C-alpha atoms as a PDB file:
ATOM      1  CA  MET A   1      28.782 -43.351 -48.133  1.00  0.00           C
ATOM      2  CA  SER A   2      32.387 -43.844 -47.211  1.00  0.00           C
ATOM      3  CA  ASN A   3      33.888 -44.849 -43.804  1.00  0.00           C
ATOM      4  CA  THR A   4      35.149 -41.348 -43.163  1.00  0.00           C
ATOM      5  CA  SER A   5      31.839 -39.656 -43.678  1.00  0.00           C
ATOM      6  CA  LEU A   6      30.139 -42.392 -41.407  1.00  0.00           C
ATOM      7  CA  VAL A   7      32.774 -41.788 -38.788  1.00  0.00           C
ATOM      8  CA  VAL A   8      32.051 -37.965 -38.897  1.00  0.00           C
ATOM      9  CA  VAL A   9      28.360 -38.512 -38.605  1.00  0.00           C
ATOM     10  CA  VAL A  10      28.771 -40.663 -35.705  1.00  0.00           C
ATOM     11  CA  VAL A  11      31.193 -38.431 -33.890  1.00  0.00           C
ATOM     12  CA  VAL A  12      28.759 -35.545 -34.551  1.00  0.00           C
ATOM     13  CA  VAL A  13      25.652 -37.428 -33.066  1.00  0.00           C
ATOM     14  CA  VAL A  14      27.949 -38.557 -29.982  1.00  0.00           C
ATOM     15  CA  VAL A  15      29.023 -34.969 -29.366  1.00  0.00           C
ATOM     16  CA  VAL A  16      25.498 -33.694 -29.893  1.00  0.00           C
ATOM     17  CA  VAL A  17      24.041 -36.301 -27.346  1.00  0.00           C
ATOM     18  CA  VAL A  18      26.800 -35.527 -24.785  1.00  0.00           C
ATOM     19  CA  VAL A  19      26.046 -31.744 -25.113  1.00  0.00           C
ATOM     20  CA  VAL A  20      22.322 -32.295 -24.593  1.00  0.00           C
ATOM     21  CA  VAL A  21      23.030 -34.674 -21.489  1.00  0.00           C
ATOM     22  CA  VAL A  22      25.339 -32.132 -20.077  1.00  0.00           C
ATOM     23  CA  VAL A  23      22.830 -29.121 -20.476  1.00  0.00           C
ATOM     24  CA  LEU A  24      20.107 -31.349 -18.915  1.00  0.00           C
ATOM     25  CA  LEU A  25      22.390 -32.237 -16.002  1.00  0.00           C
ATOM     26  CA  VAL A  26      23.101 -28.522 -15.705  1.00  0.00           C
ATOM     27  CA  VAL A  27      19.371 -27.630 -15.696  1.00  0.00           C
ATOM     28  CA  VAL A  28      18.600 -30.404 -13.125  1.00  0.00           C
ATOM     29  CA  VAL A  29      21.481 -28.948 -10.755  1.00  0.00           C
ATOM     30  CA  VAL A  30      20.155 -25.400 -11.160  1.00  0.00           C
ATOM     31  CA  LEU A  31      16.616 -26.657 -10.333  1.00  0.00           C
ATOM     32  CA  VAL A  32      17.771 -28.541  -7.349  1.00  0.00           C
ATOM     33  CA  VAL A  33      19.657 -25.317  -6.025  1.00  0.00           C
ATOM     34  CA  VAL A  34      16.794 -23.172  -6.614  1.00  0.00           C
ATOM     35  CA  VAL A  35      14.310 -25.646  -4.783  1.00  0.00           C
ATOM     36  CA  THR A  36      16.774 -25.846  -1.858  1.00  0.00           C
ATOM     37  CA  VAL A  37      16.917 -22.032  -1.548  1.00  0.00           C
ATOM     38  CA  VAL A  38      13.137 -21.892  -1.581  1.00  0.00           C
ATOM     39  CA  VAL A  39      12.682 -24.618   0.890  1.00  0.00           C
ATOM     40  CA  VAL A  40      15.400 -22.719   3.230  1.00  0.00           C
ATOM     41  CA  VAL A  41      13.650 -19.511   2.733  1.00  0.00           C
ATOM     42  CA  ALA A  42      10.419 -21.072   3.628  1.00  0.00           C
ATOM     43  CA  VAL A  43      11.817 -22.638   6.696  1.00  0.00           C
ATOM     44  CA  VAL A  44      13.287 -19.290   7.847  1.00  0.00           C
ATOM     45  CA  VAL A  45       9.910 -17.609   7.323  1.00  0.00           C
ATOM     46  CA  VAL A  46       7.988 -20.429   9.370  1.00  0.00           C
ATOM     47  CA  VAL A  47      10.706 -19.971  12.324  1.00  0.00           C
ATOM     48  CA  VAL A  48      10.444 -16.129  12.187  1.00  0.00           C
ATOM     49  CA  ALA A  49       6.648 -16.429  12.378  1.00  0.00           C
ATOM     50  CA  ALA A  50       6.825 -18.790  15.238  1.00  0.00           C
ATOM     51  CA  VAL A  51       9.109 -16.543  17.177  1.00  0.00           C
ATOM     52  CA  LEU A  52       6.781 -13.605  16.376  1.00  0.00           C
ATOM     53  CA  ILE A  53       3.921 -15.644  17.771  1.00  0.00           C
ATOM     54  CA  VAL A  54       5.709 -16.430  21.008  1.00  0.00           C
ATOM     55  CA  VAL A  55       6.874 -12.704  21.425  1.00  0.00           C
ATOM     56  CA  VAL A  56       3.338 -11.557  20.821  1.00  0.00           C
ATOM     57  CA  THR A  57       1.875 -14.196  23.307  1.00  0.00           C
ATOM     58  CA  VAL A  58       4.336 -13.098  25.943  1.00  0.00           C
ATOM     59  CA  VAL A  59       3.414  -9.429  25.412  1.00  0.00           C
ATOM     60  CA  VAL A  60      -0.277 -10.127  25.867  1.00  0.00           C
ATOM     61  CA  VAL A  61       0.210 -12.241  28.854  1.00  0.00           C
ATOM     62  CA  VAL A  62       2.434  -9.419  30.439  1.00  0.00           C
ATOM     63  CA  ALA A  63      -0.079  -6.793  29.474  1.00  0.00           C
ATOM     64  CA  VAL A  64      -2.902  -9.015  31.038  1.00  0.00           C
ATOM     65  CA  VAL A  65      -0.912  -9.366  34.294  1.00  0.00           C
ATOM     66  CA  VAL A  66      -0.227  -5.584  34.451  1.00  0.00           C
ATOM     67  CA  VAL A  67      -4.067  -5.022  34.010  1.00  0.00           C
ATOM     68  CA  VAL A  68      -4.913  -7.532  36.671  1.00  0.00           C
ATOM     69  CA  ALA A  69      -2.408  -6.178  39.014  1.00  0.00           C
ATOM     70  CA  ALA A  70      -3.667  -2.551  38.523  1.00  0.00           C
ATOM     71  CA  ALA A  71      -7.304  -3.754  39.199  1.00  0.00           C
ATOM     72  CA  VAL A  72      -6.090  -5.482  42.452  1.00  0.00           C
ATOM     73  CA  LEU A  73      -4.208  -2.452  43.487  1.00  0.00           C
ATOM     74  CA  ILE A  74      -7.236  -0.271  42.911  1.00  0.00           C
ATOM     75  CA  VAL A  75      -9.499  -2.586  44.944  1.00  0.00           C
ATOM     76  CA  VAL A  76      -6.911  -2.693  47.816  1.00  0.00           C
ATOM     77  CA  VAL A  77      -6.548   1.109  47.927  1.00  0.00           C
ATOM     78  CA  THR A  78     -10.340   1.378  47.886  1.00  0.00           C
ATOM     79  CA  VAL A  79     -10.591  -1.093  50.726  1.00  0.00           C
ATOM     80  CA  VAL A  80      -7.870   0.779  52.753  1.00  0.00           C
ATOM     81  CA  VAL A  81      -9.512   4.169  52.194  1.00  0.00           C
ATOM     82  CA  ALA A  82     -12.806   2.752  53.247  1.00  0.00           C
ATOM     83  CA  VAL A  83     -11.446   1.144  56.326  1.00  0.00           C
ATOM     84  CA  VAL A  84      -9.559   4.383  57.332  1.00  0.00           C
ATOM     85  CA  LEU A  85     -12.808   6.401  56.776  1.00  0.00           C
ATOM     86  CA  THR A  86     -14.864   4.070  58.743  1.00  0.00           C
ATOM     87  CA  ALA A  87     -12.234   3.948  61.474  1.00  0.00           C
ATOM     88  CA  CYS A  88     -12.189   7.631  61.518  1.00  0.00           C
ATOM     89  CA  GLU A  89     -15.942   8.054  61.749  1.00  0.00           C
ATOM     90  CA  THR A  90     -15.932   5.229  64.448  1.00  0.00           C
ATOM     91  CA  MET A  91     -13.373   6.869  66.505  1.00  0.00           C
ATOM     92  CA  ASN A  92     -15.306  10.143  66.180  1.00  0.00           C
ATOM     93  CA  TYR A  93     -12.681  11.998  64.129  1.00  0.00           C
ATOM     94  CA  PRO A  94     -15.033  13.589  61.624  1.00  0.00           C
ATOM     95  CA  SER A  95     -12.519  16.214  60.657  1.00  0.00           C
ATOM     96  CA  ILE A  96     -10.045  13.689  59.431  1.00  0.00           C
ATOM     97  CA  SER A  97     -12.638  11.820  57.326  1.00  0.00           C
ATOM     98  CA  LYS A  98     -13.803  15.042  55.830  1.00  0.00           C
ATOM     99  CA  GLY A  99     -10.312  15.926  54.988  1.00  0.00           C
ATOM    100  CA  LEU A 100      -9.860  12.788  52.998  1.00  0.00           C
END
């Protein structure tokens, strides 16, 4: 083998090794980008889920407060009507209590 052919073989081997290393680096960079995008999407999904949980909790609390307020209002109105009817009967106004 002459010196020229040996140089050509060495140059070809070096070029092939450099191309393989560059391709591997590109693949690693692409994988890092893909993993980063997946992690960002996962974080966004978790944040959205947390916000939805807070919103649903607030809606449930408001609904419970409204139901309790309605129940209290019903009890208050019932007590007021009972007191008024009792007062009418006590004051001997049967026509008023019969009208209610």
